[in-house]
Amino acid sequence: NRRTYCLMIRDVAHDLAVAQDLDEGTSTLELQLQPGLTLAGRAESTEGGALTNVRAVLVFWAGNTGYHLRDMNALTNSPGRFEIPALPPGRRFGVYVSADGFGQQYVNTGTDADTEAGRIDLDTVVLKPANLKLAGQVLDAEDKPAAGVFVSLSGDGQPSGSTRADRDGRFRFDRVCEGTVRLYASGNGVY
């Protein structure tokens, strides 16, 4: 599974962008900015109200690799709405949508051919409140506390998070949504 590298150039002020895949033989590029694509969406809670402080983090796909471009996130001034402008058309994108005190959802825009210049209005994203807590203890193969291991939380609609177990192997997450949760623990060469 080979990683594809890509160069993306954006002019947000003029809504122009271009992207070019790179390989070992690439030495000189002539690129021309083209009219950009805007991803737009809306997020609301399971109770139906628009959320404030919505974050949308772009995932840019090059080949089979999705790059989380955290520097290209979109905060909103309008309750529940977000926009990410000046994206190169003809590419595949995804967006992780989240809000403080709520879970997150991933939205895929579709295949490369589906992303022409203009605007893609995503379906409304519904986020569950992260109002539950989850705590536990990590034990090693000998049933002894695994001190200092990293514990990660994920799951469909869950906020992603990580923490480090204390000296007794105990960990705690204060923002968890109702539903299935996956926990992963790793450290000291074990998983």
N, C-alpha and C. Protein backbone atom coordinates (compact mmCIF):
# COMPACT_ATOMS: atom_id res chain seq x y z
N ASN A 1 0.85 -1.18 0.00
CA ASN A 1 0.00 0.00 0.00
C ASN A 1 0.90 1.24 0.00
N ARG A 2 1.07 1.82 -1.15
CA ARG A 2 1.95 2.97 -1.31
C ARG A 2 1.23 4.28 -1.04
N ARG A 3 1.89 5.17 -0.35
CA ARG A 3 1.33 6.48 -0.04
C ARG A 3 1.47 7.39 -1.25
N THR A 4 0.43 8.16 -1.53
CA THR A 4 0.45 9.15 -2.60
C THR A 4 0.67 10.52 -1.99
N TYR A 5 1.65 11.24 -2.51
CA TYR A 5 1.90 12.60 -2.04
C TYR A 5 1.30 13.58 -3.03
N CYS A 6 0.87 14.71 -2.49
CA CYS A 6 0.16 15.68 -3.31
C CYS A 6 0.52 17.10 -2.86
N LEU A 7 0.57 18.00 -3.83
CA LEU A 7 0.78 19.42 -3.55
C LEU A 7 -0.56 20.12 -3.77
N MET A 8 -1.02 20.88 -2.77
CA MET A 8 -2.26 21.63 -2.90
C MET A 8 -1.94 23.11 -2.66
N ILE A 9 -2.43 23.95 -3.56
CA ILE A 9 -2.24 25.40 -3.46
C ILE A 9 -3.63 26.04 -3.47
N ARG A 10 -3.84 26.98 -2.53
CA ARG A 10 -5.14 27.65 -2.43
C ARG A 10 -4.95 29.16 -2.34
N ASP A 11 -5.87 29.89 -2.96
CA ASP A 11 -5.99 31.34 -2.82
C ASP A 11 -7.41 31.58 -2.30
N VAL A 12 -7.53 31.59 -0.97
CA VAL A 12 -8.84 31.67 -0.34
C VAL A 12 -9.54 32.99 -0.69
N ALA A 13 -8.80 34.09 -0.74
CA ALA A 13 -9.39 35.39 -1.01
C ALA A 13 -10.08 35.44 -2.37
N HIS A 14 -9.56 34.69 -3.34
CA HIS A 14 -10.13 34.69 -4.69
C HIS A 14 -10.84 33.38 -5.03
N ASP A 15 -10.99 32.47 -4.05
CA ASP A 15 -11.65 31.17 -4.22
C ASP A 15 -11.06 30.39 -5.41
N LEU A 16 -9.73 30.26 -5.40
CA LEU A 16 -9.01 29.52 -6.43
C LEU A 16 -8.17 28.43 -5.77
N ALA A 17 -7.98 27.32 -6.49
CA ALA A 17 -7.18 26.22 -5.93
C ALA A 17 -6.70 25.29 -7.03
N VAL A 18 -5.67 24.52 -6.70
CA VAL A 18 -5.18 23.47 -7.59
C VAL A 18 -4.50 22.41 -6.74
N ALA A 19 -4.54 21.16 -7.18
CA ALA A 19 -3.84 20.07 -6.50
C ALA A 19 -3.19 19.19 -7.56
N GLN A 20 -2.00 18.70 -7.25
CA GLN A 20 -1.27 17.85 -8.19
C GLN A 20 -0.60 16.72 -7.40
N ASP A 21 -0.88 15.47 -7.80
CA ASP A 21 -0.19 14.33 -7.19
C ASP A 21 1.27 14.37 -7.60
N LEU A 22 2.13 13.92 -6.69
CA LEU A 22 3.58 13.92 -6.93
C LEU A 22 4.09 12.49 -6.90
N ASP A 23 5.11 12.23 -7.70
CA ASP A 23 5.79 10.94 -7.63
C ASP A 23 7.29 11.18 -7.68
N GLU A 24 8.06 10.11 -7.64
CA GLU A 24 9.52 10.25 -7.58
C GLU A 24 10.08 10.97 -8.79
N GLY A 25 9.42 10.89 -9.92
CA GLY A 25 9.92 11.53 -11.13
C GLY A 25 9.54 12.99 -11.28
N THR A 26 8.75 13.53 -10.36
CA THR A 26 8.32 14.92 -10.45
C THR A 26 9.50 15.84 -10.16
N SER A 27 9.80 16.72 -11.12
CA SER A 27 10.89 17.66 -10.89
C SER A 27 10.43 19.10 -11.09
N THR A 28 9.63 19.35 -12.12
CA THR A 28 9.14 20.69 -12.40
C THR A 28 7.64 20.62 -12.61
N LEU A 29 6.95 21.56 -12.02
CA LEU A 29 5.49 21.61 -12.15
C LEU A 29 5.07 22.97 -12.69
N GLU A 30 4.11 22.96 -13.57
CA GLU A 30 3.44 24.19 -14.00
C GLU A 30 1.98 24.02 -13.63
N LEU A 31 1.55 24.78 -12.65
CA LEU A 31 0.20 24.65 -12.15
C LEU A 31 -0.56 25.95 -12.34
N GLN A 32 -1.84 25.82 -12.62
CA GLN A 32 -2.68 26.99 -12.80
C GLN A 32 -3.86 26.88 -11.85
N LEU A 33 -4.04 27.91 -11.03
CA LEU A 33 -5.17 27.93 -10.11
C LEU A 33 -6.47 27.98 -10.91
N GLN A 34 -7.47 27.27 -10.40
CA GLN A 34 -8.78 27.19 -11.05
C GLN A 34 -9.86 27.58 -10.05
N PRO A 35 -11.07 27.89 -10.53
CA PRO A 35 -12.15 28.19 -9.59
C PRO A 35 -12.29 27.07 -8.57
N GLY A 36 -12.44 27.45 -7.30
CA GLY A 36 -12.45 26.48 -6.22
C GLY A 36 -13.81 25.90 -5.91
N LEU A 37 -13.76 24.95 -5.02
CA LEU A 37 -14.93 24.26 -4.51
C LEU A 37 -15.10 24.67 -3.05
N THR A 38 -16.34 24.87 -2.63
CA THR A 38 -16.64 25.17 -1.23
C THR A 38 -17.46 24.03 -0.65
N LEU A 39 -16.99 23.49 0.47
CA LEU A 39 -17.78 22.50 1.22
C LEU A 39 -18.54 23.26 2.30
N ALA A 40 -19.83 23.06 2.37
CA ALA A 40 -20.66 23.76 3.35
C ALA A 40 -21.57 22.77 4.04
N GLY A 41 -21.85 23.03 5.30
CA GLY A 41 -22.73 22.13 6.03
C GLY A 41 -23.33 22.79 7.25
N ARG A 42 -24.12 21.99 7.93
CA ARG A 42 -24.84 22.45 9.12
C ARG A 42 -24.79 21.32 10.14
N ALA A 43 -24.63 21.67 11.41
CA ALA A 43 -24.62 20.69 12.49
C ALA A 43 -25.65 21.07 13.52
N GLU A 44 -26.37 20.06 14.01
CA GLU A 44 -27.34 20.29 15.07
C GLU A 44 -27.27 19.14 16.06
N SER A 45 -27.84 19.36 17.23
CA SER A 45 -27.85 18.33 18.25
C SER A 45 -29.00 17.37 18.01
N THR A 46 -28.97 16.24 18.71
CA THR A 46 -30.06 15.27 18.59
C THR A 46 -31.39 15.85 19.05
N GLU A 47 -31.34 16.94 19.83
CA GLU A 47 -32.57 17.62 20.25
C GLU A 47 -33.09 18.55 19.17
N GLY A 48 -32.33 18.74 18.08
CA GLY A 48 -32.80 19.50 16.94
C GLY A 48 -32.30 20.93 16.84
N GLY A 49 -31.59 21.44 17.81
CA GLY A 49 -31.12 22.81 17.76
C GLY A 49 -29.76 22.94 17.10
N ALA A 50 -29.55 24.08 16.46
CA ALA A 50 -28.24 24.37 15.85
C ALA A 50 -27.20 24.49 16.95
N LEU A 51 -26.01 24.00 16.68
CA LEU A 51 -24.92 24.02 17.67
C LEU A 51 -24.03 25.23 17.45
N THR A 52 -23.48 25.74 18.53
CA THR A 52 -22.48 26.81 18.42
C THR A 52 -21.09 26.17 18.48
N ASN A 53 -20.10 26.92 18.06
CA ASN A 53 -18.71 26.46 18.08
C ASN A 53 -18.50 25.15 17.31
N VAL A 54 -19.15 25.03 16.17
CA VAL A 54 -18.98 23.85 15.32
C VAL A 54 -17.61 23.92 14.66
N ARG A 55 -16.91 22.79 14.67
CA ARG A 55 -15.62 22.67 13.99
C ARG A 55 -15.76 21.66 12.87
N ALA A 56 -15.20 21.99 11.73
CA ALA A 56 -15.17 21.06 10.60
C ALA A 56 -13.72 20.94 10.16
N VAL A 57 -13.14 19.75 10.35
CA VAL A 57 -11.75 19.52 9.98
C VAL A 57 -11.72 18.76 8.65
N LEU A 58 -11.02 19.31 7.69
CA LEU A 58 -10.97 18.75 6.35
C LEU A 58 -10.09 17.51 6.30
N VAL A 59 -10.55 16.51 5.55
CA VAL A 59 -9.75 15.33 5.21
C VAL A 59 -9.58 15.37 3.70
N PHE A 60 -8.34 15.50 3.25
CA PHE A 60 -8.01 15.57 1.83
C PHE A 60 -7.46 14.21 1.41
N TRP A 61 -8.08 13.59 0.41
CA TRP A 61 -7.67 12.27 -0.04
C TRP A 61 -6.73 12.36 -1.22
N ALA A 62 -5.60 11.67 -1.12
CA ALA A 62 -4.65 11.51 -2.23
C ALA A 62 -4.41 10.01 -2.34
N GLY A 63 -4.89 9.42 -3.42
CA GLY A 63 -4.83 7.97 -3.54
C GLY A 63 -5.70 7.34 -2.47
N ASN A 64 -5.16 6.39 -1.72
CA ASN A 64 -5.90 5.72 -0.66
C ASN A 64 -5.61 6.28 0.72
N THR A 65 -4.98 7.44 0.78
CA THR A 65 -4.60 8.04 2.06
C THR A 65 -5.41 9.31 2.30
N GLY A 66 -6.02 9.39 3.46
CA GLY A 66 -6.75 10.59 3.86
C GLY A 66 -5.89 11.42 4.81
N TYR A 67 -5.60 12.64 4.43
CA TYR A 67 -4.78 13.54 5.25
C TYR A 67 -5.68 14.49 6.02
N HIS A 68 -5.59 14.44 7.35
CA HIS A 68 -6.36 15.35 8.20
C HIS A 68 -5.65 16.70 8.20
N LEU A 69 -6.25 17.68 7.59
CA LEU A 69 -5.65 19.01 7.48
C LEU A 69 -6.24 19.89 8.58
N ARG A 70 -5.71 19.74 9.78
CA ARG A 70 -6.24 20.46 10.94
C ARG A 70 -6.09 21.97 10.81
N ASP A 71 -5.11 22.41 10.03
CA ASP A 71 -4.95 23.85 9.82
C ASP A 71 -6.00 24.41 8.87
N MET A 72 -6.75 23.53 8.22
CA MET A 72 -7.79 23.98 7.29
C MET A 72 -9.16 23.70 7.89
N ASN A 73 -9.30 23.87 9.18
CA ASN A 73 -10.60 23.66 9.78
C ASN A 73 -11.44 24.92 9.64
N ALA A 74 -12.71 24.77 9.85
CA ALA A 74 -13.62 25.91 9.71
C ALA A 74 -14.42 26.05 10.98
N LEU A 75 -14.27 27.18 11.63
CA LEU A 75 -15.15 27.52 12.75
C LEU A 75 -16.28 28.35 12.16
N THR A 76 -17.34 28.50 12.91
CA THR A 76 -18.49 29.20 12.35
C THR A 76 -18.88 30.40 13.20
N ASN A 77 -19.35 31.42 12.54
CA ASN A 77 -19.94 32.56 13.23
C ASN A 77 -21.46 32.44 13.25
N SER A 78 -21.97 31.63 12.35
CA SER A 78 -23.40 31.41 12.25
C SER A 78 -23.72 30.09 12.95
N PRO A 79 -24.64 30.09 13.91
CA PRO A 79 -24.91 28.85 14.65
C PRO A 79 -25.15 27.65 13.75
N GLY A 80 -24.34 26.62 13.99
CA GLY A 80 -24.51 25.35 13.30
C GLY A 80 -23.96 25.26 11.90
N ARG A 81 -23.48 26.33 11.33
CA ARG A 81 -23.04 26.30 9.93
C ARG A 81 -21.52 26.38 9.83
N PHE A 82 -20.99 25.75 8.77
CA PHE A 82 -19.56 25.83 8.49
C PHE A 82 -19.34 25.82 6.99
N GLU A 83 -18.22 26.41 6.58
CA GLU A 83 -17.81 26.42 5.17
C GLU A 83 -16.29 26.29 5.09
N ILE A 84 -15.83 25.50 4.13
CA ILE A 84 -14.41 25.41 3.83
C ILE A 84 -14.27 25.76 2.35
N PRO A 85 -13.79 26.98 2.03
CA PRO A 85 -13.72 27.43 0.64
C PRO A 85 -12.38 27.11 -0.02
N ALA A 86 -12.31 27.40 -1.31
CA ALA A 86 -11.08 27.36 -2.10
C ALA A 86 -10.40 25.99 -2.05
N LEU A 87 -11.18 24.96 -2.34
CA LEU A 87 -10.63 23.61 -2.44
C LEU A 87 -10.49 23.23 -3.91
N PRO A 88 -9.48 22.43 -4.25
CA PRO A 88 -9.30 22.05 -5.65
C PRO A 88 -10.41 21.11 -6.12
N PRO A 89 -11.05 21.43 -7.24
CA PRO A 89 -12.11 20.55 -7.75
C PRO A 89 -11.50 19.25 -8.28
N GLY A 90 -12.35 18.25 -8.45
CA GLY A 90 -11.91 16.97 -8.99
C GLY A 90 -11.17 16.10 -7.99
N ARG A 91 -11.28 16.41 -6.70
CA ARG A 91 -10.61 15.64 -5.65
C ARG A 91 -11.65 15.09 -4.68
N ARG A 92 -11.24 14.16 -3.87
CA ARG A 92 -12.12 13.57 -2.86
C ARG A 92 -11.80 14.20 -1.50
N PHE A 93 -12.87 14.55 -0.77
CA PHE A 93 -12.73 15.18 0.54
C PHE A 93 -13.64 14.50 1.55
N GLY A 94 -13.34 14.71 2.78
CA GLY A 94 -14.20 14.32 3.89
C GLY A 94 -14.11 15.43 4.92
N VAL A 95 -15.01 15.41 5.88
CA VAL A 95 -15.02 16.42 6.93
C VAL A 95 -15.39 15.75 8.25
N TYR A 96 -14.57 15.98 9.29
CA TYR A 96 -14.93 15.59 10.65
C TYR A 96 -15.61 16.79 11.28
N VAL A 97 -16.88 16.61 11.66
CA VAL A 97 -17.67 17.69 12.25
C VAL A 97 -17.84 17.40 13.73
N SER A 98 -17.53 18.41 14.57
CA SER A 98 -17.65 18.25 16.01
C SER A 98 -18.03 19.59 16.64
N ALA A 99 -18.39 19.54 17.91
CA ALA A 99 -18.70 20.75 18.69
C ALA A 99 -18.40 20.46 20.14
N ASP A 100 -18.02 21.49 20.88
CA ASP A 100 -17.73 21.32 22.31
C ASP A 100 -18.93 20.70 23.03
N GLY A 101 -18.66 19.65 23.81
CA GLY A 101 -19.72 19.00 24.57
C GLY A 101 -20.54 18.00 23.78
N PHE A 102 -20.12 17.71 22.54
CA PHE A 102 -20.84 16.78 21.68
C PHE A 102 -19.86 15.82 21.03
N GLY A 103 -20.39 14.79 20.38
CA GLY A 103 -19.56 13.83 19.67
C GLY A 103 -19.09 14.40 18.34
N GLN A 104 -18.68 13.51 17.45
CA GLN A 104 -18.26 13.95 16.12
C GLN A 104 -18.78 12.97 15.08
N GLN A 105 -18.87 13.44 13.85
CA GLN A 105 -19.29 12.60 12.73
C GLN A 105 -18.37 12.87 11.55
N TYR A 106 -18.11 11.83 10.77
CA TYR A 106 -17.34 11.97 9.54
C TYR A 106 -18.31 11.97 8.37
N VAL A 107 -18.12 12.91 7.45
CA VAL A 107 -18.95 13.01 6.25
C VAL A 107 -18.01 12.93 5.05
N ASN A 108 -18.31 12.01 4.13
CA ASN A 108 -17.52 11.82 2.92
C ASN A 108 -18.23 12.52 1.77
N THR A 109 -17.48 13.26 0.95
CA THR A 109 -18.12 13.99 -0.16
C THR A 109 -18.35 13.13 -1.39
N GLY A 110 -17.80 11.94 -1.44
CA GLY A 110 -17.98 11.08 -2.61
C GLY A 110 -16.67 10.90 -3.35
N THR A 111 -16.78 10.46 -4.58
CA THR A 111 -15.59 10.18 -5.38
C THR A 111 -15.02 11.45 -5.98
N ASP A 112 -13.80 11.35 -6.51
CA ASP A 112 -13.13 12.50 -7.11
C ASP A 112 -13.98 13.16 -8.19
N ALA A 113 -14.62 12.38 -9.01
CA ALA A 113 -15.38 12.92 -10.14
C ALA A 113 -16.58 13.74 -9.68
N ASP A 114 -17.04 13.51 -8.45
CA ASP A 114 -18.22 14.22 -7.96
C ASP A 114 -17.93 15.63 -7.49
N THR A 115 -16.65 16.01 -7.38
CA THR A 115 -16.32 17.30 -6.79
C THR A 115 -15.88 18.29 -7.86
N GLU A 116 -16.85 18.91 -8.49
CA GLU A 116 -16.58 19.95 -9.49
C GLU A 116 -16.52 21.30 -8.77
N ALA A 117 -16.00 22.31 -9.50
CA ALA A 117 -15.95 23.66 -8.93
C ALA A 117 -17.37 24.09 -8.58
N GLY A 118 -17.48 24.89 -7.55
CA GLY A 118 -18.79 25.37 -7.11
C GLY A 118 -18.96 25.13 -5.63
N ARG A 119 -20.07 24.54 -5.26
CA ARG A 119 -20.41 24.38 -3.85
C ARG A 119 -21.04 23.02 -3.63
N ILE A 120 -20.61 22.35 -2.57
CA ILE A 120 -21.26 21.11 -2.15
C ILE A 120 -21.89 21.38 -0.79
N ASP A 121 -23.21 21.27 -0.73
CA ASP A 121 -23.93 21.41 0.53
C ASP A 121 -24.14 20.01 1.09
N LEU A 122 -23.48 19.73 2.20
CA LEU A 122 -23.56 18.43 2.84
C LEU A 122 -24.88 18.28 3.59
N ASP A 123 -25.31 17.04 3.78
CA ASP A 123 -26.50 16.80 4.60
C ASP A 123 -26.24 17.28 6.02
N THR A 124 -27.30 17.64 6.72
CA THR A 124 -27.17 18.08 8.11
C THR A 124 -26.55 16.98 8.95
N VAL A 125 -25.57 17.35 9.74
CA VAL A 125 -24.88 16.42 10.63
C VAL A 125 -25.52 16.54 12.01
N VAL A 126 -25.93 15.41 12.57
CA VAL A 126 -26.56 15.39 13.89
C VAL A 126 -25.56 14.81 14.89
N LEU A 127 -25.25 15.61 15.92
CA LEU A 127 -24.27 15.20 16.92
C LEU A 127 -24.97 14.90 18.25
N LYS A 128 -24.53 13.81 18.89
CA LYS A 128 -25.07 13.43 20.19
C LYS A 128 -24.34 14.19 21.29
N PRO A 129 -25.04 14.51 22.39
CA PRO A 129 -24.35 15.16 23.50
C PRO A 129 -23.33 14.20 24.13
N ALA A 130 -22.18 14.75 24.49
CA ALA A 130 -21.14 13.98 25.17
C ALA A 130 -21.24 14.30 26.66
N ASN A 131 -22.29 13.77 27.30
CA ASN A 131 -22.58 14.12 28.68
C ASN A 131 -22.38 12.94 29.64
N LEU A 132 -21.71 11.89 29.18
CA LEU A 132 -21.44 10.74 30.03
C LEU A 132 -19.96 10.66 30.36
N LYS A 133 -19.63 9.88 31.37
CA LYS A 133 -18.23 9.68 31.77
C LYS A 133 -17.92 8.19 31.68
N LEU A 134 -16.66 7.90 31.43
CA LEU A 134 -16.22 6.51 31.33
C LEU A 134 -14.87 6.39 32.02
N ALA A 135 -14.74 5.43 32.93
CA ALA A 135 -13.49 5.23 33.64
C ALA A 135 -13.20 3.74 33.69
N GLY A 136 -11.93 3.40 33.84
CA GLY A 136 -11.56 2.00 33.92
C GLY A 136 -10.12 1.85 34.35
N GLN A 137 -9.65 0.62 34.26
CA GLN A 137 -8.28 0.31 34.65
C GLN A 137 -7.69 -0.63 33.60
N VAL A 138 -6.45 -0.36 33.23
CA VAL A 138 -5.73 -1.20 32.28
C VAL A 138 -4.82 -2.13 33.08
N LEU A 139 -4.94 -3.42 32.79
CA LEU A 139 -4.09 -4.42 33.44
C LEU A 139 -3.20 -5.08 32.39
N ASP A 140 -2.01 -5.49 32.80
CA ASP A 140 -1.11 -6.17 31.87
C ASP A 140 -1.44 -7.66 31.82
N ALA A 141 -0.63 -8.44 31.11
CA ALA A 141 -0.88 -9.86 30.93
C ALA A 141 -0.82 -10.63 32.25
N GLU A 142 -0.21 -10.04 33.27
CA GLU A 142 -0.11 -10.69 34.58
C GLU A 142 -1.12 -10.11 35.57
N ASP A 143 -2.15 -9.43 35.05
CA ASP A 143 -3.20 -8.80 35.86
C ASP A 143 -2.68 -7.76 36.84
N LYS A 144 -1.60 -7.09 36.47
CA LYS A 144 -1.05 -6.00 37.28
C LYS A 144 -1.37 -4.68 36.58
N PRO A 145 -1.55 -3.59 37.34
CA PRO A 145 -1.85 -2.29 36.72
C PRO A 145 -0.79 -1.89 35.70
N ALA A 146 -1.25 -1.44 34.54
CA ALA A 146 -0.34 -0.99 33.48
C ALA A 146 -0.21 0.53 33.58
N ALA A 147 0.78 0.97 34.33
CA ALA A 147 0.96 2.39 34.58
C ALA A 147 1.49 3.11 33.34
N GLY A 148 0.97 4.30 33.10
CA GLY A 148 1.50 5.18 32.06
C GLY A 148 1.15 4.83 30.64
N VAL A 149 0.32 3.83 30.40
CA VAL A 149 -0.04 3.50 29.02
C VAL A 149 -1.00 4.56 28.47
N PHE A 150 -1.00 4.71 27.16
CA PHE A 150 -1.93 5.63 26.51
C PHE A 150 -3.23 4.90 26.22
N VAL A 151 -4.35 5.55 26.54
CA VAL A 151 -5.67 4.98 26.28
C VAL A 151 -6.39 5.91 25.32
N SER A 152 -6.89 5.36 24.22
CA SER A 152 -7.61 6.14 23.21
C SER A 152 -9.06 5.69 23.16
N LEU A 153 -9.94 6.66 22.93
CA LEU A 153 -11.37 6.40 22.84
C LEU A 153 -11.83 6.78 21.43
N SER A 154 -12.65 5.92 20.84
CA SER A 154 -13.25 6.23 19.53
C SER A 154 -14.58 5.49 19.44
N GLY A 155 -15.27 5.67 18.34
CA GLY A 155 -16.54 5.01 18.10
C GLY A 155 -17.42 5.86 17.22
N ASP A 156 -18.37 5.26 16.58
CA ASP A 156 -19.26 5.98 15.68
C ASP A 156 -20.01 7.06 16.44
N GLY A 157 -19.77 8.31 16.08
CA GLY A 157 -20.42 9.44 16.73
C GLY A 157 -19.76 9.89 18.01
N GLN A 158 -18.75 9.17 18.47
CA GLN A 158 -18.07 9.52 19.72
C GLN A 158 -17.03 10.61 19.47
N PRO A 159 -16.79 11.46 20.47
CA PRO A 159 -15.65 12.37 20.32
C PRO A 159 -14.37 11.54 20.43
N SER A 160 -13.37 11.87 19.66
CA SER A 160 -12.12 11.13 19.80
C SER A 160 -11.36 11.75 20.96
N GLY A 161 -10.64 10.91 21.68
CA GLY A 161 -9.89 11.41 22.81
C GLY A 161 -8.82 10.42 23.21
N SER A 162 -7.87 10.92 23.96
CA SER A 162 -6.83 10.05 24.49
C SER A 162 -6.38 10.59 25.83
N THR A 163 -5.88 9.70 26.66
CA THR A 163 -5.38 10.06 27.97
C THR A 163 -4.30 9.07 28.34
N ARG A 164 -3.66 9.32 29.45
CA ARG A 164 -2.62 8.42 29.92
C ARG A 164 -3.07 7.83 31.26
N ALA A 165 -2.92 6.52 31.42
CA ALA A 165 -3.30 5.86 32.66
C ALA A 165 -2.36 6.29 33.79
N ASP A 166 -2.91 6.39 34.99
CA ASP A 166 -2.09 6.78 36.14
C ASP A 166 -1.23 5.60 36.61
N ARG A 167 -0.57 5.75 37.73
CA ARG A 167 0.35 4.70 38.20
C ARG A 167 -0.37 3.42 38.59
N ASP A 168 -1.70 3.52 38.81
CA ASP A 168 -2.50 2.33 39.11
C ASP A 168 -3.20 1.79 37.88
N GLY A 169 -2.85 2.32 36.69
CA GLY A 169 -3.46 1.87 35.44
C GLY A 169 -4.85 2.44 35.21
N ARG A 170 -5.28 3.37 36.02
CA ARG A 170 -6.64 3.93 35.90
C ARG A 170 -6.67 5.10 34.91
N PHE A 171 -7.80 5.19 34.21
CA PHE A 171 -8.01 6.26 33.25
C PHE A 171 -9.45 6.74 33.35
N ARG A 172 -9.71 7.92 32.76
CA ARG A 172 -11.06 8.50 32.82
C ARG A 172 -11.28 9.40 31.61
N PHE A 173 -12.46 9.31 31.04
CA PHE A 173 -12.90 10.22 29.98
C PHE A 173 -14.16 10.92 30.48
N ASP A 174 -14.17 12.25 30.43
CA ASP A 174 -15.30 13.02 30.96
C ASP A 174 -16.32 13.41 29.90
N ARG A 175 -16.02 13.17 28.64
CA ARG A 175 -16.96 13.54 27.56
C ARG A 175 -17.16 12.34 26.64
N VAL A 176 -18.22 11.59 26.90
CA VAL A 176 -18.53 10.40 26.12
C VAL A 176 -20.01 10.46 25.75
N CYS A 177 -20.34 10.02 24.53
CA CYS A 177 -21.72 9.97 24.09
C CYS A 177 -22.33 8.60 24.40
N GLU A 178 -23.65 8.55 24.44
CA GLU A 178 -24.34 7.28 24.57
C GLU A 178 -24.04 6.46 23.31
N GLY A 179 -23.82 5.18 23.46
CA GLY A 179 -23.55 4.32 22.32
C GLY A 179 -22.26 3.54 22.49
N THR A 180 -21.89 2.84 21.44
CA THR A 180 -20.71 1.98 21.47
C THR A 180 -19.43 2.79 21.51
N VAL A 181 -18.50 2.35 22.34
CA VAL A 181 -17.20 3.00 22.49
C VAL A 181 -16.13 1.94 22.29
N ARG A 182 -15.07 2.31 21.58
CA ARG A 182 -13.90 1.44 21.44
C ARG A 182 -12.75 2.07 22.21
N LEU A 183 -12.09 1.26 23.03
CA LEU A 183 -10.94 1.71 23.79
C LEU A 183 -9.71 0.94 23.32
N TYR A 184 -8.61 1.65 23.18
CA TYR A 184 -7.34 1.05 22.81
C TYR A 184 -6.30 1.51 23.81
N ALA A 185 -5.49 0.58 24.28
CA ALA A 185 -4.41 0.92 25.21
C ALA A 185 -3.09 0.45 24.62
N SER A 186 -2.07 1.31 24.71
CA SER A 186 -0.76 0.93 24.19
C SER A 186 0.32 1.62 25.00
N GLY A 187 1.45 0.97 25.08
CA GLY A 187 2.60 1.53 25.77
C GLY A 187 3.61 0.47 26.12
N ASN A 188 4.83 0.87 26.26
CA ASN A 188 5.91 -0.04 26.62
C ASN A 188 5.98 -1.25 25.67
N GLY A 189 5.72 -1.02 24.38
CA GLY A 189 5.82 -2.07 23.38
C GLY A 189 4.66 -3.06 23.36
N VAL A 190 3.59 -2.79 24.07
CA VAL A 190 2.43 -3.68 24.05
C VAL A 190 1.20 -2.91 23.62
N TYR A 191 0.19 -3.65 23.14
CA TYR A 191 -1.03 -3.05 22.63
C TYR A 191 -2.19 -3.83 23.16
